[in-house]
Amino acid sequence: MQRLFKKTGIGLFAVAVGIQFIPADYNYQEEVLPTDITLVYDVPDTVLNILWTSCFDCHSNKTNYPWYSRIQPTRLLMDYHVKQGKADLNFSEFGSYSRRRQKNKLKSMVSQIKDNAMPLPSYTLTHRETTLTEGNKIILIEYLDSLRTHL
């Protein structure tokens, strides 16, 4: 029995070391695309600060990675969440969306903010500063509704 535990432990250790060599797929682009929401629309500084703090890590081409993102399997989970987030909404490409899609995304964002669905609870658990305050929610919702109305 002890032999089995020892072999299992060695095997798990080997896997843990081995997965560290899986290459990272960093989501950081220096260039600001002409389709970036900040270039396409007038985004007030207060709104932009909230978006940078709470949204852009998963929903833009400029993810700010914490130190522990270099450790697998955390890295794989982060890559998955970022890819999934960008597939749903990418602020760096927002201007390339059709007007209809932009309106739908803005409406969805308001709904998710009101429902406390975004940022993800799993994200705010380890990034407390990204939690939206009631004041931040009001600012974002007012801006997003206004933008949607003017599209």
N, C-alpha and C. Protein backbone atom coordinates (compact mmCIF):
# COMPACT_ATOMS: atom_id res chain seq x y z
N MET A 1 0.83 -1.19 0.00
CA MET A 1 0.00 0.00 0.00
C MET A 1 0.87 1.26 0.00
N GLN A 2 1.92 1.26 0.84
CA GLN A 2 2.82 2.41 0.88
C GLN A 2 3.53 2.59 -0.46
N ARG A 3 3.83 1.47 -1.09
CA ARG A 3 4.50 1.51 -2.38
C ARG A 3 3.60 2.21 -3.42
N LEU A 4 2.32 1.90 -3.37
CA LEU A 4 1.35 2.51 -4.29
C LEU A 4 1.27 4.02 -4.05
N PHE A 5 1.23 4.43 -2.79
CA PHE A 5 1.19 5.86 -2.46
C PHE A 5 2.46 6.56 -2.94
N LYS A 6 3.59 5.91 -2.77
CA LYS A 6 4.85 6.50 -3.18
C LYS A 6 4.89 6.67 -4.70
N LYS A 7 4.49 5.63 -5.43
CA LYS A 7 4.48 5.71 -6.89
C LYS A 7 3.48 6.75 -7.38
N THR A 8 2.34 6.81 -6.74
CA THR A 8 1.33 7.81 -7.10
C THR A 8 1.86 9.21 -6.84
N GLY A 9 2.50 9.39 -5.70
CA GLY A 9 3.08 10.69 -5.35
C GLY A 9 4.15 11.12 -6.34
N ILE A 10 5.01 10.19 -6.71
CA ILE A 10 6.06 10.49 -7.69
C ILE A 10 5.44 10.83 -9.05
N GLY A 11 4.42 10.08 -9.42
CA GLY A 11 3.73 10.33 -10.69
C GLY A 11 3.08 11.70 -10.72
N LEU A 12 2.39 12.05 -9.64
CA LEU A 12 1.74 13.36 -9.56
C LEU A 12 2.77 14.49 -9.58
N PHE A 13 3.88 14.29 -8.89
CA PHE A 13 4.95 15.28 -8.89
C PHE A 13 5.51 15.46 -10.30
N ALA A 14 5.73 14.36 -11.01
CA ALA A 14 6.25 14.42 -12.38
C ALA A 14 5.28 15.17 -13.30
N VAL A 15 3.99 14.91 -13.13
CA VAL A 15 2.99 15.61 -13.94
C VAL A 15 3.00 17.11 -13.60
N ALA A 16 3.07 17.43 -12.31
CA ALA A 16 3.08 18.83 -11.88
C ALA A 16 4.29 19.57 -12.44
N VAL A 17 5.44 18.92 -12.47
CA VAL A 17 6.63 19.54 -13.04
C VAL A 17 6.50 19.62 -14.55
N GLY A 18 6.02 18.55 -15.16
CA GLY A 18 5.90 18.49 -16.62
C GLY A 18 4.99 19.55 -17.20
N ILE A 19 3.88 19.82 -16.55
CA ILE A 19 2.94 20.81 -17.12
C ILE A 19 3.47 22.23 -17.03
N GLN A 20 4.53 22.44 -16.26
CA GLN A 20 5.12 23.78 -16.19
C GLN A 20 5.75 24.17 -17.53
N PHE A 21 6.02 23.18 -18.38
CA PHE A 21 6.66 23.44 -19.67
C PHE A 21 5.67 23.68 -20.80
N ILE A 22 4.39 23.66 -20.49
CA ILE A 22 3.39 24.01 -21.50
C ILE A 22 3.54 25.50 -21.77
N PRO A 23 3.74 25.87 -23.04
CA PRO A 23 3.98 27.29 -23.33
C PRO A 23 2.78 28.17 -23.00
N ALA A 24 3.10 29.35 -22.53
CA ALA A 24 2.05 30.32 -22.18
C ALA A 24 1.59 31.06 -23.43
N ASP A 25 0.32 31.35 -23.48
CA ASP A 25 -0.26 32.10 -24.59
C ASP A 25 -0.69 33.46 -24.04
N TYR A 26 0.30 34.37 -23.93
CA TYR A 26 0.02 35.66 -23.30
C TYR A 26 -0.94 36.50 -24.14
N ASN A 27 -1.90 37.09 -23.47
CA ASN A 27 -2.89 37.95 -24.10
C ASN A 27 -2.52 39.40 -23.82
N TYR A 28 -1.48 39.87 -24.51
CA TYR A 28 -1.11 41.26 -24.33
C TYR A 28 -0.62 41.80 -25.66
N GLN A 29 -1.29 42.81 -26.14
CA GLN A 29 -0.96 43.42 -27.41
C GLN A 29 -0.62 44.88 -27.17
N GLU A 30 0.60 45.28 -27.52
CA GLU A 30 1.04 46.67 -27.31
C GLU A 30 0.19 47.65 -28.11
N GLU A 31 -0.05 47.30 -29.36
CA GLU A 31 -0.77 48.18 -30.27
C GLU A 31 -2.24 48.31 -29.86
N VAL A 32 -2.73 49.54 -29.88
CA VAL A 32 -4.16 49.77 -29.64
C VAL A 32 -4.84 49.73 -31.00
N LEU A 33 -5.75 48.80 -31.16
CA LEU A 33 -6.43 48.63 -32.44
C LEU A 33 -7.36 49.80 -32.72
N PRO A 34 -7.56 50.14 -33.99
CA PRO A 34 -8.49 51.23 -34.32
C PRO A 34 -9.93 50.89 -33.96
N THR A 35 -10.20 49.63 -33.67
CA THR A 35 -11.54 49.19 -33.28
C THR A 35 -11.75 49.20 -31.77
N ASP A 36 -10.73 49.63 -31.03
CA ASP A 36 -10.82 49.68 -29.57
C ASP A 36 -11.94 50.63 -29.16
N ILE A 37 -12.72 50.22 -28.18
CA ILE A 37 -13.87 51.04 -27.75
C ILE A 37 -13.45 52.45 -27.34
N THR A 38 -12.23 52.59 -26.83
CA THR A 38 -11.77 53.91 -26.39
C THR A 38 -11.44 54.83 -27.55
N LEU A 39 -11.24 54.27 -28.74
CA LEU A 39 -10.98 55.09 -29.93
C LEU A 39 -12.25 55.32 -30.74
N VAL A 40 -13.17 54.40 -30.64
CA VAL A 40 -14.41 54.48 -31.42
C VAL A 40 -15.44 55.38 -30.74
N TYR A 41 -15.47 55.32 -29.40
CA TYR A 41 -16.45 56.10 -28.64
C TYR A 41 -15.75 56.93 -27.57
N ASP A 42 -16.40 57.98 -27.16
CA ASP A 42 -15.89 58.82 -26.09
C ASP A 42 -16.18 58.12 -24.76
N VAL A 43 -15.13 57.62 -24.14
CA VAL A 43 -15.27 56.92 -22.86
C VAL A 43 -14.70 57.83 -21.77
N PRO A 44 -15.55 58.34 -20.88
CA PRO A 44 -15.06 59.21 -19.80
C PRO A 44 -14.02 58.49 -18.93
N ASP A 45 -13.11 59.25 -18.37
CA ASP A 45 -12.04 58.68 -17.54
C ASP A 45 -12.59 57.83 -16.40
N THR A 46 -13.67 58.27 -15.77
CA THR A 46 -14.23 57.48 -14.66
C THR A 46 -14.68 56.10 -15.14
N VAL A 47 -15.31 56.06 -16.29
CA VAL A 47 -15.76 54.78 -16.86
C VAL A 47 -14.55 53.95 -17.27
N LEU A 48 -13.59 54.59 -17.92
CA LEU A 48 -12.40 53.88 -18.38
C LEU A 48 -11.64 53.25 -17.21
N ASN A 49 -11.52 53.97 -16.11
CA ASN A 49 -10.84 53.42 -14.92
C ASN A 49 -11.56 52.19 -14.39
N ILE A 50 -12.87 52.22 -14.38
CA ILE A 50 -13.65 51.06 -13.92
C ILE A 50 -13.45 49.89 -14.87
N LEU A 51 -13.50 50.16 -16.17
CA LEU A 51 -13.31 49.09 -17.16
C LEU A 51 -11.92 48.48 -17.04
N TRP A 52 -10.89 49.33 -16.88
CA TRP A 52 -9.52 48.81 -16.72
C TRP A 52 -9.41 47.94 -15.47
N THR A 53 -10.01 48.38 -14.41
CA THR A 53 -9.90 47.65 -13.14
C THR A 53 -10.70 46.36 -13.13
N SER A 54 -11.90 46.38 -13.69
CA SER A 54 -12.82 45.26 -13.50
C SER A 54 -13.12 44.43 -14.75
N CYS A 55 -12.78 44.93 -15.93
CA CYS A 55 -13.25 44.24 -17.15
C CYS A 55 -12.15 43.86 -18.14
N PHE A 56 -11.17 44.73 -18.33
CA PHE A 56 -10.23 44.56 -19.43
C PHE A 56 -9.33 43.33 -19.32
N ASP A 57 -9.07 42.83 -18.13
CA ASP A 57 -8.20 41.65 -18.02
C ASP A 57 -8.74 40.47 -18.81
N CYS A 58 -10.04 40.30 -18.82
CA CYS A 58 -10.64 39.17 -19.54
C CYS A 58 -11.33 39.57 -20.83
N HIS A 59 -11.57 40.86 -21.01
CA HIS A 59 -12.36 41.30 -22.17
C HIS A 59 -11.63 42.33 -23.03
N SER A 60 -10.32 42.19 -23.16
CA SER A 60 -9.55 43.05 -24.06
C SER A 60 -8.28 42.31 -24.44
N ASN A 61 -7.46 42.95 -25.27
CA ASN A 61 -6.19 42.34 -25.67
C ASN A 61 -5.05 42.77 -24.75
N LYS A 62 -5.38 43.24 -23.57
CA LYS A 62 -4.36 43.72 -22.63
C LYS A 62 -4.58 43.15 -21.23
N THR A 63 -4.37 41.86 -21.09
CA THR A 63 -4.51 41.22 -19.78
C THR A 63 -3.32 41.56 -18.90
N ASN A 64 -3.59 41.95 -17.68
CA ASN A 64 -2.55 42.21 -16.69
C ASN A 64 -2.44 40.95 -15.84
N TYR A 65 -1.36 40.20 -16.05
CA TYR A 65 -1.21 38.91 -15.38
C TYR A 65 -0.56 39.03 -14.01
N PRO A 66 -1.14 38.39 -12.99
CA PRO A 66 -0.50 38.36 -11.67
C PRO A 66 0.67 37.36 -11.68
N TRP A 67 1.50 37.41 -10.67
CA TRP A 67 2.67 36.55 -10.60
C TRP A 67 2.33 35.07 -10.69
N TYR A 68 1.23 34.66 -10.07
CA TYR A 68 0.90 33.24 -10.03
C TYR A 68 0.39 32.70 -11.36
N SER A 69 0.24 33.58 -12.33
CA SER A 69 -0.21 33.12 -13.64
C SER A 69 0.88 32.34 -14.37
N ARG A 70 2.09 32.39 -13.87
CA ARG A 70 3.19 31.64 -14.48
C ARG A 70 3.21 30.18 -14.03
N ILE A 71 2.37 29.84 -13.10
CA ILE A 71 2.35 28.49 -12.54
C ILE A 71 1.17 27.71 -13.11
N GLN A 72 1.49 26.55 -13.68
CA GLN A 72 0.42 25.68 -14.18
C GLN A 72 -0.13 24.88 -13.01
N PRO A 73 -1.35 24.52 -12.96
CA PRO A 73 -2.41 24.64 -13.97
C PRO A 73 -3.18 25.96 -13.89
N THR A 74 -2.76 26.85 -12.98
CA THR A 74 -3.43 28.15 -12.87
C THR A 74 -3.41 28.86 -14.22
N ARG A 75 -2.28 28.77 -14.90
CA ARG A 75 -2.12 29.42 -16.19
C ARG A 75 -3.15 28.93 -17.21
N LEU A 76 -3.35 27.62 -17.26
CA LEU A 76 -4.33 27.04 -18.19
C LEU A 76 -5.74 27.55 -17.89
N LEU A 77 -6.08 27.62 -16.62
CA LEU A 77 -7.40 28.13 -16.24
C LEU A 77 -7.57 29.59 -16.62
N MET A 78 -6.52 30.39 -16.40
CA MET A 78 -6.59 31.80 -16.76
C MET A 78 -6.73 31.96 -18.27
N ASP A 79 -5.92 31.21 -19.03
CA ASP A 79 -6.02 31.27 -20.49
C ASP A 79 -7.42 30.93 -20.96
N TYR A 80 -8.00 29.91 -20.36
CA TYR A 80 -9.36 29.49 -20.73
C TYR A 80 -10.36 30.62 -20.46
N HIS A 81 -10.29 31.21 -19.28
CA HIS A 81 -11.23 32.28 -18.92
C HIS A 81 -11.06 33.51 -19.82
N VAL A 82 -9.81 33.87 -20.11
CA VAL A 82 -9.56 35.03 -20.96
C VAL A 82 -10.07 34.77 -22.38
N LYS A 83 -9.77 33.60 -22.93
CA LYS A 83 -10.24 33.28 -24.29
C LYS A 83 -11.77 33.26 -24.34
N GLN A 84 -12.37 32.69 -23.33
CA GLN A 84 -13.84 32.64 -23.26
C GLN A 84 -14.41 34.06 -23.12
N GLY A 85 -13.79 34.86 -22.28
CA GLY A 85 -14.25 36.24 -22.09
C GLY A 85 -14.13 37.07 -23.35
N LYS A 86 -12.99 36.94 -24.05
CA LYS A 86 -12.80 37.69 -25.28
C LYS A 86 -13.71 37.21 -26.40
N ALA A 87 -14.03 35.93 -26.40
CA ALA A 87 -14.95 35.41 -27.42
C ALA A 87 -16.34 36.01 -27.23
N ASP A 88 -16.71 36.25 -25.99
CA ASP A 88 -18.02 36.83 -25.70
C ASP A 88 -18.04 38.34 -25.90
N LEU A 89 -16.99 39.01 -25.45
CA LEU A 89 -16.90 40.47 -25.57
C LEU A 89 -15.44 40.88 -25.53
N ASN A 90 -15.00 41.59 -26.57
CA ASN A 90 -13.62 42.08 -26.61
C ASN A 90 -13.66 43.59 -26.84
N PHE A 91 -13.34 44.35 -25.81
CA PHE A 91 -13.36 45.81 -25.92
C PHE A 91 -12.34 46.31 -26.95
N SER A 92 -11.28 45.55 -27.18
CA SER A 92 -10.28 45.95 -28.17
C SER A 92 -10.81 45.85 -29.60
N GLU A 93 -11.86 45.09 -29.79
CA GLU A 93 -12.45 44.90 -31.13
C GLU A 93 -13.90 45.38 -31.19
N PHE A 94 -14.35 46.07 -30.18
CA PHE A 94 -15.75 46.47 -30.07
C PHE A 94 -16.23 47.26 -31.29
N GLY A 95 -15.39 48.12 -31.83
CA GLY A 95 -15.75 48.93 -32.99
C GLY A 95 -15.97 48.12 -34.25
N SER A 96 -15.47 46.89 -34.29
CA SER A 96 -15.66 46.05 -35.47
C SER A 96 -16.99 45.31 -35.43
N TYR A 97 -17.67 45.34 -34.30
CA TYR A 97 -18.98 44.69 -34.19
C TYR A 97 -20.01 45.51 -34.95
N SER A 98 -21.02 44.84 -35.48
CA SER A 98 -22.12 45.56 -36.12
C SER A 98 -22.84 46.39 -35.06
N ARG A 99 -23.58 47.40 -35.49
CA ARG A 99 -24.34 48.24 -34.54
C ARG A 99 -25.28 47.38 -33.71
N ARG A 100 -25.93 46.45 -34.37
CA ARG A 100 -26.87 45.57 -33.66
C ARG A 100 -26.15 44.77 -32.57
N ARG A 101 -24.99 44.22 -32.93
CA ARG A 101 -24.23 43.43 -31.95
C ARG A 101 -23.74 44.33 -30.82
N GLN A 102 -23.31 45.52 -31.14
CA GLN A 102 -22.87 46.46 -30.10
C GLN A 102 -24.01 46.74 -29.13
N LYS A 103 -25.18 47.02 -29.67
CA LYS A 103 -26.34 47.29 -28.80
C LYS A 103 -26.65 46.09 -27.92
N ASN A 104 -26.60 44.89 -28.50
CA ASN A 104 -26.87 43.68 -27.72
C ASN A 104 -25.83 43.48 -26.63
N LYS A 105 -24.57 43.74 -26.95
CA LYS A 105 -23.50 43.60 -25.95
C LYS A 105 -23.68 44.62 -24.82
N LEU A 106 -24.01 45.84 -25.17
CA LEU A 106 -24.22 46.87 -24.15
C LEU A 106 -25.39 46.51 -23.24
N LYS A 107 -26.47 46.02 -23.84
CA LYS A 107 -27.63 45.59 -23.06
C LYS A 107 -27.26 44.42 -22.14
N SER A 108 -26.50 43.47 -22.67
CA SER A 108 -26.07 42.32 -21.88
C SER A 108 -25.16 42.75 -20.73
N MET A 109 -24.27 43.70 -20.99
CA MET A 109 -23.38 44.19 -19.94
C MET A 109 -24.17 44.81 -18.80
N VAL A 110 -25.15 45.62 -19.13
CA VAL A 110 -25.99 46.24 -18.10
C VAL A 110 -26.68 45.17 -17.27
N SER A 111 -27.24 44.19 -17.95
CA SER A 111 -27.94 43.10 -17.27
C SER A 111 -27.01 42.33 -16.33
N GLN A 112 -25.80 42.02 -16.81
CA GLN A 112 -24.85 41.27 -15.99
C GLN A 112 -24.33 42.08 -14.81
N ILE A 113 -24.18 43.38 -15.00
CA ILE A 113 -23.76 44.24 -13.89
C ILE A 113 -24.86 44.27 -12.83
N LYS A 114 -26.10 44.44 -13.26
CA LYS A 114 -27.22 44.47 -12.31
C LYS A 114 -27.37 43.15 -11.56
N ASP A 115 -27.08 42.03 -12.24
CA ASP A 115 -27.21 40.70 -11.64
C ASP A 115 -25.97 40.27 -10.86
N ASN A 116 -24.97 41.15 -10.77
CA ASN A 116 -23.70 40.83 -10.11
C ASN A 116 -23.02 39.62 -10.73
N ALA A 117 -23.23 39.41 -12.02
CA ALA A 117 -22.63 38.27 -12.71
C ALA A 117 -21.22 38.60 -13.22
N MET A 118 -20.94 39.88 -13.37
CA MET A 118 -19.63 40.32 -13.84
C MET A 118 -19.14 41.43 -12.94
N PRO A 119 -17.84 41.45 -12.65
CA PRO A 119 -16.86 40.41 -12.93
C PRO A 119 -17.22 39.10 -12.23
N LEU A 120 -16.68 38.02 -12.77
CA LEU A 120 -16.97 36.71 -12.21
C LEU A 120 -16.62 36.64 -10.73
N PRO A 121 -17.47 36.03 -9.93
CA PRO A 121 -17.16 35.88 -8.50
C PRO A 121 -15.82 35.17 -8.26
N SER A 122 -15.46 34.22 -9.11
CA SER A 122 -14.17 33.53 -8.95
C SER A 122 -13.01 34.49 -9.19
N TYR A 123 -13.22 35.50 -10.00
CA TYR A 123 -12.19 36.51 -10.28
C TYR A 123 -12.09 37.50 -9.13
N THR A 124 -13.22 37.98 -8.66
CA THR A 124 -13.20 38.97 -7.57
C THR A 124 -12.73 38.35 -6.25
N LEU A 125 -12.83 37.04 -6.15
CA LEU A 125 -12.35 36.36 -4.94
C LEU A 125 -10.86 36.57 -4.76
N THR A 126 -10.11 36.51 -5.86
CA THR A 126 -8.66 36.68 -5.79
C THR A 126 -8.21 38.08 -6.18
N HIS A 127 -9.12 38.89 -6.69
CA HIS A 127 -8.82 40.26 -7.09
C HIS A 127 -9.88 41.18 -6.48
N ARG A 128 -9.80 41.38 -5.21
CA ARG A 128 -10.83 42.14 -4.47
C ARG A 128 -11.07 43.54 -5.06
N GLU A 129 -10.00 44.14 -5.57
CA GLU A 129 -10.11 45.51 -6.09
C GLU A 129 -10.99 45.60 -7.34
N THR A 130 -11.30 44.46 -7.95
CA THR A 130 -12.12 44.47 -9.17
C THR A 130 -13.62 44.43 -8.89
N THR A 131 -13.99 44.20 -7.65
CA THR A 131 -15.41 44.16 -7.29
C THR A 131 -16.03 45.52 -7.55
N LEU A 132 -17.16 45.52 -8.23
CA LEU A 132 -17.84 46.77 -8.54
C LEU A 132 -18.61 47.28 -7.32
N THR A 133 -18.34 48.51 -6.94
CA THR A 133 -19.11 49.14 -5.87
C THR A 133 -20.45 49.57 -6.44
N GLU A 134 -21.38 49.91 -5.58
CA GLU A 134 -22.68 50.39 -6.06
C GLU A 134 -22.50 51.65 -6.91
N GLY A 135 -21.58 52.51 -6.49
CA GLY A 135 -21.30 53.72 -7.25
C GLY A 135 -20.75 53.41 -8.64
N ASN A 136 -19.82 52.44 -8.69
CA ASN A 136 -19.26 52.03 -9.98
C ASN A 136 -20.33 51.45 -10.89
N LYS A 137 -21.23 50.67 -10.31
CA LYS A 137 -22.31 50.08 -11.10
C LYS A 137 -23.19 51.17 -11.71
N ILE A 138 -23.53 52.16 -10.91
CA ILE A 138 -24.38 53.26 -11.40
C ILE A 138 -23.68 53.99 -12.55
N ILE A 139 -22.40 54.30 -12.36
CA ILE A 139 -21.63 55.00 -13.40
C ILE A 139 -21.61 54.18 -14.69
N LEU A 140 -21.28 52.90 -14.58
CA LEU A 140 -21.22 52.04 -15.76
C LEU A 140 -22.57 51.89 -16.44
N ILE A 141 -23.58 51.61 -15.67
CA ILE A 141 -24.92 51.40 -16.23
C ILE A 141 -25.41 52.66 -16.95
N GLU A 142 -25.22 53.81 -16.34
CA GLU A 142 -25.64 55.07 -16.98
C GLU A 142 -24.89 55.29 -18.29
N TYR A 143 -23.59 55.04 -18.27
CA TYR A 143 -22.79 55.22 -19.49
C TYR A 143 -23.21 54.23 -20.58
N LEU A 144 -23.33 52.96 -20.22
CA LEU A 144 -23.68 51.93 -21.20
C LEU A 144 -25.06 52.16 -21.79
N ASP A 145 -26.01 52.53 -20.95
CA ASP A 145 -27.37 52.84 -21.44
C ASP A 145 -27.34 54.05 -22.38
N SER A 146 -26.58 55.06 -22.01
CA SER A 146 -26.47 56.26 -22.83
C SER A 146 -25.84 55.93 -24.18
N LEU A 147 -24.77 55.15 -24.16
CA LEU A 147 -24.10 54.76 -25.40
C LEU A 147 -25.05 53.96 -26.29
N ARG A 148 -25.76 53.04 -25.69
CA ARG A 148 -26.71 52.21 -26.44
C ARG A 148 -27.80 53.07 -27.08
N THR A 149 -28.28 54.06 -26.36
CA THR A 149 -29.33 54.95 -26.87
C THR A 149 -28.83 55.75 -28.08
N HIS A 150 -27.55 56.12 -28.07
CA HIS A 150 -27.00 56.94 -29.15
C HIS A 150 -26.49 56.14 -30.34
N LEU A 151 -26.56 54.85 -30.27
CA LEU A 151 -26.12 54.03 -31.42
C LEU A 151 -27.18 53.97 -32.49
